[in-house]
Protein backbone atom coordinates (compact mmCIF):
# COMPACT_ATOMS: atom_id res chain seq x y z
CA UNK A 1 34.43 7.86 20.86
CA UNK A 2 33.29 10.10 18.03
CA UNK A 3 30.02 9.90 16.10
CA UNK A 4 29.99 10.37 12.35
CA UNK A 5 26.88 10.92 10.25
CA UNK A 6 27.08 9.14 6.91
CA UNK A 7 24.43 10.36 4.52
CA UNK A 8 25.00 7.87 1.66
CA UNK A 9 22.73 4.99 0.75
CA UNK A 10 24.07 1.96 -1.14
CA UNK A 11 20.69 0.22 -1.17
CA UNK A 12 17.20 1.72 -1.00
CA UNK A 13 13.98 -0.33 -0.91
CA UNK A 14 10.95 1.74 -1.95
CA UNK A 15 7.84 0.19 -0.39
CA UNK A 16 5.07 2.77 -0.12
CA UNK A 17 3.48 5.15 -0.21
CA UNK A 18 2.47 4.04 -3.67
CA UNK A 19 1.79 7.31 -5.48
CA UNK A 20 3.76 8.92 -8.27
CA UNK A 21 4.25 12.19 -6.37
CA UNK A 22 5.41 10.48 -3.17
CA UNK A 23 7.83 8.24 -5.07
CA UNK A 24 9.31 11.15 -7.03
CA UNK A 25 9.87 13.00 -3.74
CA UNK A 26 11.66 9.94 -2.33
CA UNK A 27 13.69 9.53 -5.53
CA UNK A 28 14.82 13.16 -5.39
CA UNK A 29 15.81 12.74 -1.74
CA UNK A 30 17.90 9.61 -2.30
CA UNK A 31 19.19 10.51 -5.78
CA UNK A 32 22.14 12.62 -4.63
CA UNK A 33 22.73 10.45 -1.58
CA UNK A 34 23.23 7.23 -3.57
CA UNK A 35 26.75 6.64 -4.92
CA UNK A 36 27.64 4.97 -8.20
CA UNK A 37 26.94 1.26 -7.77
CA UNK A 38 23.96 1.83 -5.45
CA UNK A 39 20.91 -0.38 -5.93
CA UNK A 40 17.30 0.73 -5.71
CA UNK A 41 14.42 -1.74 -5.48
CA UNK A 42 10.81 -0.69 -6.08
CA UNK A 43 8.04 -2.84 -4.64
CA UNK A 44 4.40 -3.09 -5.72
CA UNK A 45 5.14 -1.49 -9.10
CA UNK A 46 1.60 -2.24 -10.27
CA UNK A 47 0.12 0.23 -7.76
CA UNK A 48 1.46 3.37 -9.47
CA UNK A 49 2.70 4.49 -12.91
CA UNK A 50 6.05 2.75 -12.67
CA UNK A 51 6.42 1.95 -16.38
CA UNK A 52 5.11 5.32 -17.57
CA UNK A 53 6.78 7.73 -15.11
CA UNK A 54 9.29 6.21 -12.67
CA UNK A 55 11.27 3.87 -14.94
CA UNK A 56 11.67 6.37 -17.83
CA UNK A 57 12.92 8.96 -15.36
CA UNK A 58 15.50 6.54 -13.94
CA UNK A 59 16.70 5.29 -17.32
CA UNK A 60 17.09 8.86 -18.60
CA UNK A 61 19.18 9.95 -15.63
CA UNK A 62 21.82 7.84 -13.90
CA UNK A 63 20.33 4.36 -13.64
CA UNK A 64 20.14 1.06 -15.50
CA UNK A 65 17.60 -1.70 -14.98
CA UNK A 66 18.92 -4.77 -13.20
CA UNK A 67 15.85 -6.95 -12.97
CA UNK A 68 12.09 -7.02 -13.06
CA UNK A 69 10.41 -9.92 -11.35
CA UNK A 70 6.80 -10.13 -10.28
CA UNK A 71 5.85 -6.93 -8.46
CA UNK A 72 9.43 -5.63 -8.06
CA UNK A 73 11.94 -3.82 -10.25
CA UNK A 74 15.55 -3.02 -9.41
CA UNK A 75 18.05 -0.50 -10.77
CA UNK A 76 21.75 0.26 -10.38
CA UNK A 77 23.31 3.71 -10.40
CA UNK A 78 25.85 3.91 -13.24
CA UNK A 79 26.92 7.56 -13.16
C-alpha cells in the first residue's frame, strides 16, 4: 500500500559510456549509494584508462579487486 524509495545499490554494472570523465561521474554517483559488500563490474576496460585512473582510485578508497577476466574487472566495497 505504501511505496518506498531505496537508493542503495548492491551491484552496479558499468557498461558505457567509455570515457574516464563519464566513468568518474558514475563512480561518484554510486559511491555513497553502495553499501559495504557491494560489487561493481566494469566492462570494456580496454576502451578507457582503467588501469591508470579507475582502478587506482578504487583501490585507494573503499574497494578491493575481486577478479579481472578478459575485458571485465570487478571490485567489492570493503569499507
